[in-house]
Amino acid sequence: MFGESRQRLLLTMPRLVFDNRGKAQMTANDRVAASRSVFRCICAGLTLFAVGALSSQANAETFEGPSFRKGMWHFVRTLDLVVHRKNKQRLLAREMTRCVDPTHAMKATFSSPSVGSCVSSKPERSDNKYSFANRCDHMGPVSTVITVYNNESYTELNELTAGKLPRTELIVAQRVGDCPDEAPAKSAVLAH
């Protein structure tokens, strides 16, 4: 039994050949074996990369969340510290108007990956509301309710209850118009 494991160990060890100057070199067979191992690792890595890309592409194609019109949108974001159940302290209030397509942001929200021990749940839809019991967010694990009024208006409420500082974040979004043209078309009059 001891002889078999010793023989197996000798077969897996690189064989060294010493040249005229006393330097050790690998044999040609060992170089081929080493290059095969590297090749296998590269192939395995490429396979994992391709599978990941295909699965994320499939997730993007199976988006079942709300869609909105691209255009100029006005966002109001507030962040409150929940001191008691009915008592909140405003930490942040920001407004922003910009040309966006909120559907892209929704795709990211609906595909929130798990982070560490935080595991995102799938959204549940009830009429015009999408509810996530748990979603991994930049604030930490949050419960999220997205209320869609139409393709030009929605609200997103994120509640963080874990930890010593529970917070709520409310985003009110309203489409206010079309995006300004990058290069407005000018009519030209040609004279002869």
Protein backbone atom coordinates (compact mmCIF):
# COMPACT_ATOMS: atom_id res chain seq x y z
CA MET A 1 0.00 0.00 0.00
CA PHE A 2 2.80 2.42 0.89
CA GLY A 3 4.56 1.50 -2.33
CA GLU A 4 1.52 2.40 -4.48
CA SER A 5 1.14 5.91 -3.03
CA ARG A 6 4.90 6.50 -3.36
CA GLN A 7 4.78 5.35 -6.97
CA ARG A 8 1.78 7.62 -7.67
CA LEU A 9 3.63 10.54 -6.06
CA LEU A 10 6.69 9.92 -8.22
CA LEU A 11 4.53 9.82 -11.37
CA THR A 12 2.91 13.19 -10.59
CA MET A 13 6.13 14.96 -9.61
CA PRO A 14 7.92 16.90 -12.34
CA ARG A 15 10.92 15.06 -13.65
CA LEU A 16 14.06 17.13 -13.75
CA VAL A 17 16.96 16.69 -16.10
CA PHE A 18 20.29 18.30 -15.30
CA ASP A 19 22.24 19.91 -18.13
CA ASN A 20 26.04 20.19 -18.49
CA ARG A 21 26.19 23.18 -16.13
CA GLY A 22 24.23 21.41 -13.39
CA LYS A 23 21.01 23.39 -13.91
CA ALA A 24 17.74 21.51 -13.51
CA GLN A 25 15.30 21.57 -16.43
CA MET A 26 11.87 20.06 -16.96
CA THR A 27 11.53 17.30 -19.51
CA ALA A 28 9.53 17.84 -22.69
CA ASN A 29 6.71 15.61 -21.39
CA ASP A 30 6.41 17.74 -18.24
CA ARG A 31 6.24 20.93 -20.29
CA VAL A 32 3.41 19.48 -22.38
CA ALA A 33 1.56 18.38 -19.21
CA ALA A 34 1.99 21.83 -17.67
CA SER A 35 0.77 23.57 -20.83
CA ARG A 36 -2.27 21.25 -20.91
CA SER A 37 -3.11 22.23 -17.33
CA VAL A 38 -2.87 25.91 -18.20
CA PHE A 39 -4.99 25.34 -21.31
CA ARG A 40 -7.64 23.52 -19.25
CA CYS A 41 -7.76 26.37 -16.70
CA ILE A 42 -8.17 28.94 -19.48
CA CYS A 43 -10.94 26.89 -21.10
CA ALA A 44 -12.74 26.50 -17.77
CA GLY A 45 -12.51 30.25 -17.14
CA LEU A 46 -13.84 31.10 -20.60
CA THR A 47 -16.70 28.65 -20.14
CA LEU A 48 -17.69 30.19 -16.81
CA PHE A 49 -17.50 33.67 -18.35
CA ALA A 50 -19.71 32.65 -21.30
CA VAL A 51 -22.30 31.00 -19.03
CA GLY A 52 -22.42 34.11 -16.82
CA ALA A 53 -22.84 36.41 -19.82
CA LEU A 54 -25.61 34.27 -21.28
CA SER A 55 -27.49 34.03 -17.98
CA SER A 56 -27.31 37.81 -17.39
CA GLN A 57 -28.49 38.37 -20.97
CA ALA A 58 -31.40 35.98 -20.36
CA ASN A 59 -32.28 37.88 -17.16
CA ALA A 60 -32.31 41.17 -19.09
CA GLU A 61 -34.60 39.68 -21.75
CA THR A 62 -37.05 38.28 -19.17
CA PHE A 63 -37.58 41.61 -17.39
CA GLU A 64 -41.15 41.64 -16.07
CA GLY A 65 -41.10 45.00 -14.33
CA PRO A 66 -42.65 48.32 -15.27
CA SER A 67 -41.60 50.29 -18.33
CA PHE A 68 -41.55 54.05 -18.65
CA ARG A 69 -41.23 56.63 -21.40
CA LYS A 70 -37.79 58.04 -22.03
CA GLY A 71 -37.62 61.79 -21.60
CA MET A 72 -36.98 64.61 -19.15
CA TRP A 73 -37.75 63.35 -15.64
CA HIS A 74 -37.94 65.21 -12.33
CA PHE A 75 -36.85 63.20 -9.26
CA VAL A 76 -37.35 64.10 -5.61
CA ARG A 77 -35.38 61.92 -3.19
CA THR A 78 -35.77 62.08 0.57
CA LEU A 79 -33.95 60.06 3.20
CA ASP A 80 -35.37 59.93 6.72
CA LEU A 81 -34.06 58.47 9.95
CA VAL A 82 -36.84 56.61 11.74
CA VAL A 83 -36.56 57.63 15.39
CA HIS A 84 -39.86 56.05 16.44
CA ARG A 85 -42.70 54.47 14.51
CA LYS A 86 -44.36 57.82 13.81
CA ASN A 87 -41.38 60.13 14.31
CA LYS A 88 -38.89 60.67 11.47
CA GLN A 89 -35.93 62.99 11.10
CA ARG A 90 -35.09 64.23 7.58
CA LEU A 91 -31.46 63.47 6.68
CA LEU A 92 -31.54 64.39 3.00
CA ALA A 93 -33.80 66.03 0.44
CA ARG A 94 -32.63 66.37 -3.16
CA GLU A 95 -34.28 67.25 -6.43
CA MET A 96 -32.95 66.57 -9.89
CA THR A 97 -34.23 66.91 -13.43
CA ARG A 98 -32.50 65.04 -16.22
CA CYS A 99 -33.01 63.24 -19.48
CA VAL A 100 -33.24 59.49 -18.74
CA ASP A 101 -35.02 56.24 -19.46
CA PRO A 102 -36.16 54.99 -16.02
CA THR A 103 -36.82 51.53 -17.45
CA HIS A 104 -33.04 50.93 -17.40
CA ALA A 105 -32.87 51.78 -13.69
CA MET A 106 -35.83 49.50 -13.02
CA LYS A 107 -34.07 46.62 -14.76
CA ALA A 108 -31.16 47.08 -12.34
CA THR A 109 -33.52 47.24 -9.36
CA PHE A 110 -35.38 44.11 -10.44
CA SER A 111 -32.15 42.17 -10.97
CA SER A 112 -30.59 43.06 -7.60
CA PRO A 113 -28.03 40.34 -6.97
CA SER A 114 -27.41 38.77 -3.60
CA VAL A 115 -24.54 40.40 -1.70
CA GLY A 116 -22.77 38.41 1.00
CA SER A 117 -25.42 37.16 3.42
CA CYS A 118 -28.06 39.47 1.90
CA VAL A 119 -30.31 37.48 -0.46
CA SER A 120 -32.70 39.43 -2.70
CA SER A 121 -36.26 38.13 -3.03
CA LYS A 122 -38.30 38.14 -6.21
CA PRO A 123 -40.83 40.97 -6.55
CA GLU A 124 -44.53 40.35 -6.06
CA ARG A 125 -47.00 42.31 -8.16
CA SER A 126 -50.37 43.51 -6.92
CA ASP A 127 -52.21 45.85 -9.31
CA ASN A 128 -49.81 48.79 -9.84
CA LYS A 129 -47.41 47.89 -6.99
CA TYR A 130 -44.25 45.83 -7.08
CA SER A 131 -43.08 44.68 -3.63
CA PHE A 132 -39.74 43.20 -2.67
CA ALA A 133 -39.77 41.64 0.82
CA ASN A 134 -35.98 41.87 0.79
CA ARG A 135 -33.67 43.52 -1.71
CA CYS A 136 -29.92 44.07 -1.45
CA ASP A 137 -29.40 47.82 -1.85
CA HIS A 138 -26.60 50.34 -1.26
CA MET A 139 -28.18 51.02 2.16
CA GLY A 140 -28.20 47.31 3.02
CA PRO A 141 -31.10 44.84 3.03
CA VAL A 142 -34.28 46.84 2.35
CA SER A 143 -37.94 46.17 1.70
CA THR A 144 -39.00 48.00 -1.44
CA VAL A 145 -42.40 49.02 -2.82
CA ILE A 146 -42.56 50.57 -6.28
CA THR A 147 -45.92 52.13 -7.12
CA VAL A 148 -46.47 52.80 -10.82
CA TYR A 149 -49.13 55.41 -11.61
CA ASN A 150 -48.57 55.36 -15.37
CA ASN A 151 -45.65 55.24 -17.82
CA GLU A 152 -44.74 58.80 -16.77
CA SER A 153 -44.95 58.63 -12.97
CA TYR A 154 -43.90 56.34 -10.11
CA THR A 155 -42.71 56.27 -6.50
CA GLU A 156 -40.15 53.99 -4.89
CA LEU A 157 -40.11 53.46 -1.13
CA ASN A 158 -37.12 51.66 0.43
CA GLU A 159 -37.25 50.78 4.13
CA LEU A 160 -34.17 49.67 6.01
CA THR A 161 -35.15 48.18 9.36
CA ALA A 162 -31.98 46.23 10.18
CA GLY A 163 -29.44 47.76 12.52
CA LYS A 164 -29.61 50.56 15.05
CA LEU A 165 -30.48 53.31 12.55
CA PRO A 166 -33.61 52.37 10.56
CA ARG A 167 -34.12 54.62 7.53
CA THR A 168 -36.63 55.20 4.77
CA GLU A 169 -35.82 56.48 1.32
CA LEU A 170 -38.60 57.82 -0.89
CA ILE A 171 -38.12 58.61 -4.57
CA VAL A 172 -40.92 60.42 -6.41
CA ALA A 173 -40.41 60.44 -10.17
CA GLN A 174 -42.43 62.36 -12.76
CA ARG A 175 -41.82 62.77 -16.47
CA VAL A 176 -41.93 66.47 -17.30
CA GLY A 177 -41.34 66.47 -21.05
CA ASP A 178 -39.22 65.39 -23.96
CA CYS A 179 -35.46 65.58 -23.99
CA PRO A 180 -34.04 68.58 -25.81
CA ASP A 181 -32.58 67.69 -29.18
CA GLU A 182 -28.83 67.34 -29.27
CA ALA A 183 -28.57 69.09 -32.62
CA PRO A 184 -31.76 70.86 -33.66
CA ALA A 185 -32.46 70.61 -37.34
CA LYS A 186 -32.05 73.94 -39.12
CA SER A 187 -33.78 74.70 -42.37
CA ALA A 188 -31.39 75.89 -45.02
CA VAL A 189 -32.25 77.97 -48.06
CA LEU A 190 -30.04 77.42 -51.04
CA ALA A 191 -29.51 80.37 -53.39
CA HIS A 192 -28.48 80.02 -56.97
